[in-house]
Amino acid sequence: MKVLFAIAIMLFVTSAWAADPATASVSPSLTGEVLEIQDVDSYTYLRLKTKDGETWAAVNRAPVQKGTRVTIENPMV
C-alpha cells in the first residue's frame, strides 16, 4: 500500500511540474474534512473531502486526526 501511495504521489508531482504555470490556478485556501492521513519524514499527506470532491494535500508534518475540518492557506496546484 505504501509503495502504491508513493507511486501515486510521484505521478501527481510529475504532472503538476509539467503543467503550464500560466494555466495553473492558485486558490486563497483549501478547506475540507480529513478522510485519510499519511505521515512521512517531513510531511503529512491529507486526503480531503472538499465541496468540489476529494483531493490530496501535503503540509508540513502536523498532528491531524481523521474527521477534522482543516483549511490550508495558499495551496499550490
N, C-alpha and C. Protein backbone atom coordinates (compact mmCIF):
# COMPACT_ATOMS: atom_id res chain seq x y z
N MET A 1 0.82 -1.19 0.00
CA MET A 1 0.00 0.00 0.00
C MET A 1 0.86 1.26 0.00
N LYS A 2 1.96 1.25 0.81
CA LYS A 2 2.84 2.41 0.87
C LYS A 2 3.52 2.64 -0.48
N VAL A 3 3.89 1.57 -1.15
CA VAL A 3 4.53 1.70 -2.45
C VAL A 3 3.55 2.30 -3.45
N LEU A 4 2.33 1.83 -3.45
CA LEU A 4 1.31 2.35 -4.36
C LEU A 4 1.06 3.83 -4.08
N PHE A 5 1.00 4.19 -2.82
CA PHE A 5 0.80 5.59 -2.44
C PHE A 5 1.97 6.44 -2.92
N ALA A 6 3.20 5.96 -2.73
CA ALA A 6 4.39 6.70 -3.15
C ALA A 6 4.39 6.90 -4.67
N ILE A 7 4.00 5.87 -5.42
CA ILE A 7 3.95 5.99 -6.88
C ILE A 7 2.89 7.01 -7.28
N ALA A 8 1.74 6.98 -6.63
CA ALA A 8 0.68 7.93 -6.95
C ALA A 8 1.14 9.36 -6.68
N ILE A 9 1.84 9.58 -5.59
CA ILE A 9 2.33 10.92 -5.26
C ILE A 9 3.36 11.36 -6.30
N MET A 10 4.26 10.46 -6.70
CA MET A 10 5.27 10.81 -7.70
C MET A 10 4.61 11.18 -9.03
N LEU A 11 3.59 10.44 -9.42
CA LEU A 11 2.90 10.75 -10.66
C LEU A 11 2.20 12.10 -10.56
N PHE A 12 1.59 12.36 -9.41
CA PHE A 12 0.91 13.64 -9.21
C PHE A 12 1.90 14.79 -9.27
N VAL A 13 3.03 14.66 -8.59
CA VAL A 13 4.04 15.72 -8.57
C VAL A 13 4.59 15.94 -9.96
N THR A 14 4.87 14.86 -10.69
CA THR A 14 5.40 14.98 -12.04
C THR A 14 4.43 15.71 -12.94
N SER A 15 3.15 15.38 -12.86
CA SER A 15 2.17 16.06 -13.71
C SER A 15 1.98 17.50 -13.27
N ALA A 16 2.11 17.79 -11.98
CA ALA A 16 1.98 19.17 -11.51
C ALA A 16 3.14 20.01 -12.01
N TRP A 17 4.36 19.46 -12.00
CA TRP A 17 5.51 20.19 -12.50
C TRP A 17 5.43 20.40 -14.01
N ALA A 18 4.81 19.47 -14.71
CA ALA A 18 4.71 19.57 -16.16
C ALA A 18 3.63 20.55 -16.60
N ALA A 19 2.76 20.93 -15.69
CA ALA A 19 1.66 21.83 -16.04
C ALA A 19 2.20 23.21 -16.42
N ASP A 20 1.51 23.87 -17.32
CA ASP A 20 1.86 25.21 -17.74
C ASP A 20 1.57 26.18 -16.61
N PRO A 21 2.57 26.90 -16.10
CA PRO A 21 2.34 27.82 -14.98
C PRO A 21 1.29 28.88 -15.29
N ALA A 22 1.15 29.24 -16.55
CA ALA A 22 0.17 30.26 -16.91
C ALA A 22 -1.26 29.78 -16.71
N THR A 23 -1.47 28.45 -16.79
CA THR A 23 -2.82 27.91 -16.63
C THR A 23 -3.07 27.36 -15.24
N ALA A 24 -2.03 27.24 -14.42
CA ALA A 24 -2.20 26.72 -13.06
C ALA A 24 -2.91 27.77 -12.21
N SER A 25 -3.87 27.31 -11.43
CA SER A 25 -4.61 28.25 -10.60
C SER A 25 -4.19 28.10 -9.15
N VAL A 26 -4.16 29.20 -8.46
CA VAL A 26 -3.84 29.21 -7.04
C VAL A 26 -5.05 29.77 -6.32
N SER A 27 -5.57 28.99 -5.41
CA SER A 27 -6.74 29.39 -4.64
C SER A 27 -6.26 30.01 -3.33
N PRO A 28 -7.00 30.94 -2.76
CA PRO A 28 -6.59 31.54 -1.49
C PRO A 28 -6.57 30.53 -0.34
N SER A 29 -7.39 29.49 -0.41
CA SER A 29 -7.37 28.46 0.63
C SER A 29 -8.06 27.20 0.14
N LEU A 30 -7.76 26.10 0.81
CA LEU A 30 -8.36 24.80 0.52
C LEU A 30 -8.93 24.29 1.83
N THR A 31 -10.23 24.04 1.88
CA THR A 31 -10.90 23.61 3.10
C THR A 31 -11.59 22.28 2.86
N GLY A 32 -11.46 21.38 3.83
CA GLY A 32 -12.13 20.10 3.70
C GLY A 32 -12.00 19.26 4.95
N GLU A 33 -12.71 18.14 4.94
CA GLU A 33 -12.69 17.18 6.05
C GLU A 33 -11.61 16.14 5.75
N VAL A 34 -10.78 15.83 6.74
CA VAL A 34 -9.70 14.87 6.58
C VAL A 34 -10.28 13.46 6.55
N LEU A 35 -10.05 12.76 5.43
CA LEU A 35 -10.52 11.39 5.27
C LEU A 35 -9.42 10.37 5.52
N GLU A 36 -8.18 10.75 5.22
CA GLU A 36 -7.05 9.83 5.36
C GLU A 36 -5.79 10.63 5.63
N ILE A 37 -4.86 10.03 6.38
CA ILE A 37 -3.62 10.70 6.77
C ILE A 37 -2.45 9.77 6.48
N GLN A 38 -1.40 10.30 5.86
CA GLN A 38 -0.16 9.56 5.62
C GLN A 38 1.00 10.43 6.09
N ASP A 39 1.68 10.03 7.18
CA ASP A 39 2.83 10.78 7.68
C ASP A 39 4.11 10.21 7.06
N VAL A 40 4.98 11.10 6.58
CA VAL A 40 6.31 10.73 6.09
C VAL A 40 7.31 11.62 6.82
N ASP A 41 8.59 11.53 6.45
CA ASP A 41 9.62 12.25 7.21
C ASP A 41 9.28 13.69 7.55
N SER A 42 9.07 14.51 6.55
CA SER A 42 8.87 15.94 6.79
C SER A 42 7.45 16.43 6.52
N TYR A 43 6.61 15.56 5.94
CA TYR A 43 5.29 16.00 5.51
C TYR A 43 4.18 15.11 6.05
N THR A 44 3.00 15.67 6.07
CA THR A 44 1.79 14.91 6.32
C THR A 44 0.92 15.07 5.08
N TYR A 45 0.56 13.94 4.46
CA TYR A 45 -0.33 13.96 3.30
C TYR A 45 -1.75 13.74 3.80
N LEU A 46 -2.66 14.58 3.33
CA LEU A 46 -4.05 14.53 3.77
C LEU A 46 -4.96 14.31 2.56
N ARG A 47 -5.82 13.32 2.67
CA ARG A 47 -6.89 13.17 1.66
C ARG A 47 -8.09 13.91 2.22
N LEU A 48 -8.53 14.92 1.46
CA LEU A 48 -9.59 15.80 1.94
C LEU A 48 -10.86 15.64 1.13
N LYS A 49 -11.98 15.74 1.80
CA LYS A 49 -13.28 15.81 1.14
C LYS A 49 -13.65 17.29 1.13
N THR A 50 -13.65 17.89 -0.07
CA THR A 50 -13.97 19.30 -0.21
C THR A 50 -15.32 19.46 -0.89
N LYS A 51 -15.75 20.68 -1.04
CA LYS A 51 -17.03 20.94 -1.71
C LYS A 51 -16.97 20.55 -3.19
N ASP A 52 -15.75 20.48 -3.75
CA ASP A 52 -15.58 20.12 -5.16
C ASP A 52 -15.22 18.65 -5.36
N GLY A 53 -15.16 17.87 -4.29
CA GLY A 53 -14.79 16.46 -4.40
C GLY A 53 -13.61 16.16 -3.48
N GLU A 54 -12.93 15.05 -3.75
CA GLU A 54 -11.79 14.64 -2.93
C GLU A 54 -10.49 15.06 -3.59
N THR A 55 -9.49 15.41 -2.74
CA THR A 55 -8.18 15.79 -3.23
C THR A 55 -7.14 15.47 -2.16
N TRP A 56 -5.90 15.37 -2.59
CA TRP A 56 -4.78 15.16 -1.67
C TRP A 56 -4.06 16.48 -1.48
N ALA A 57 -3.53 16.69 -0.28
CA ALA A 57 -2.74 17.87 0.02
C ALA A 57 -1.56 17.46 0.89
N ALA A 58 -0.42 18.10 0.68
CA ALA A 58 0.76 17.87 1.51
C ALA A 58 1.02 19.11 2.35
N VAL A 59 1.26 18.90 3.63
CA VAL A 59 1.56 20.01 4.54
C VAL A 59 2.79 19.62 5.36
N ASN A 60 3.42 20.61 6.00
CA ASN A 60 4.49 20.27 6.93
C ASN A 60 3.94 19.32 7.98
N ARG A 61 4.78 18.45 8.49
CA ARG A 61 4.34 17.43 9.45
C ARG A 61 3.41 18.05 10.49
N ALA A 62 2.22 17.47 10.65
CA ALA A 62 1.22 18.04 11.55
C ALA A 62 0.42 16.93 12.23
N PRO A 63 0.07 17.11 13.50
CA PRO A 63 -0.74 16.13 14.21
C PRO A 63 -2.22 16.34 13.88
N VAL A 64 -2.68 15.70 12.82
CA VAL A 64 -4.05 15.86 12.35
C VAL A 64 -4.79 14.54 12.53
N GLN A 65 -6.07 14.60 12.85
CA GLN A 65 -6.87 13.39 13.03
C GLN A 65 -7.95 13.31 11.97
N LYS A 66 -8.34 12.06 11.63
CA LYS A 66 -9.44 11.86 10.70
C LYS A 66 -10.69 12.55 11.22
N GLY A 67 -11.46 13.11 10.29
CA GLY A 67 -12.70 13.77 10.66
C GLY A 67 -12.54 15.24 10.97
N THR A 68 -11.29 15.69 11.13
CA THR A 68 -11.03 17.09 11.43
C THR A 68 -11.28 17.94 10.18
N ARG A 69 -11.84 19.11 10.36
CA ARG A 69 -12.02 20.05 9.24
C ARG A 69 -10.81 20.96 9.25
N VAL A 70 -10.08 21.02 8.12
CA VAL A 70 -8.86 21.81 8.04
C VAL A 70 -8.97 22.82 6.89
N THR A 71 -8.18 23.88 7.00
CA THR A 71 -8.03 24.86 5.93
C THR A 71 -6.54 25.03 5.67
N ILE A 72 -6.14 24.89 4.41
CA ILE A 72 -4.76 25.07 4.01
C ILE A 72 -4.70 26.39 3.26
N GLU A 73 -3.92 27.32 3.77
CA GLU A 73 -3.79 28.64 3.17
C GLU A 73 -2.80 28.61 2.01
N ASN A 74 -3.11 29.32 0.95
CA ASN A 74 -2.25 29.46 -0.23
C ASN A 74 -1.77 28.13 -0.82
N PRO A 75 -2.67 27.20 -1.09
CA PRO A 75 -2.25 25.93 -1.69
C PRO A 75 -1.79 26.17 -3.13
N MET A 76 -0.87 25.33 -3.60
CA MET A 76 -0.41 25.40 -4.97
C MET A 76 -0.85 24.17 -5.71
N VAL A 77 -1.28 24.34 -6.95
CA VAL A 77 -1.73 23.22 -7.77
C VAL A 77 -0.57 22.75 -8.61
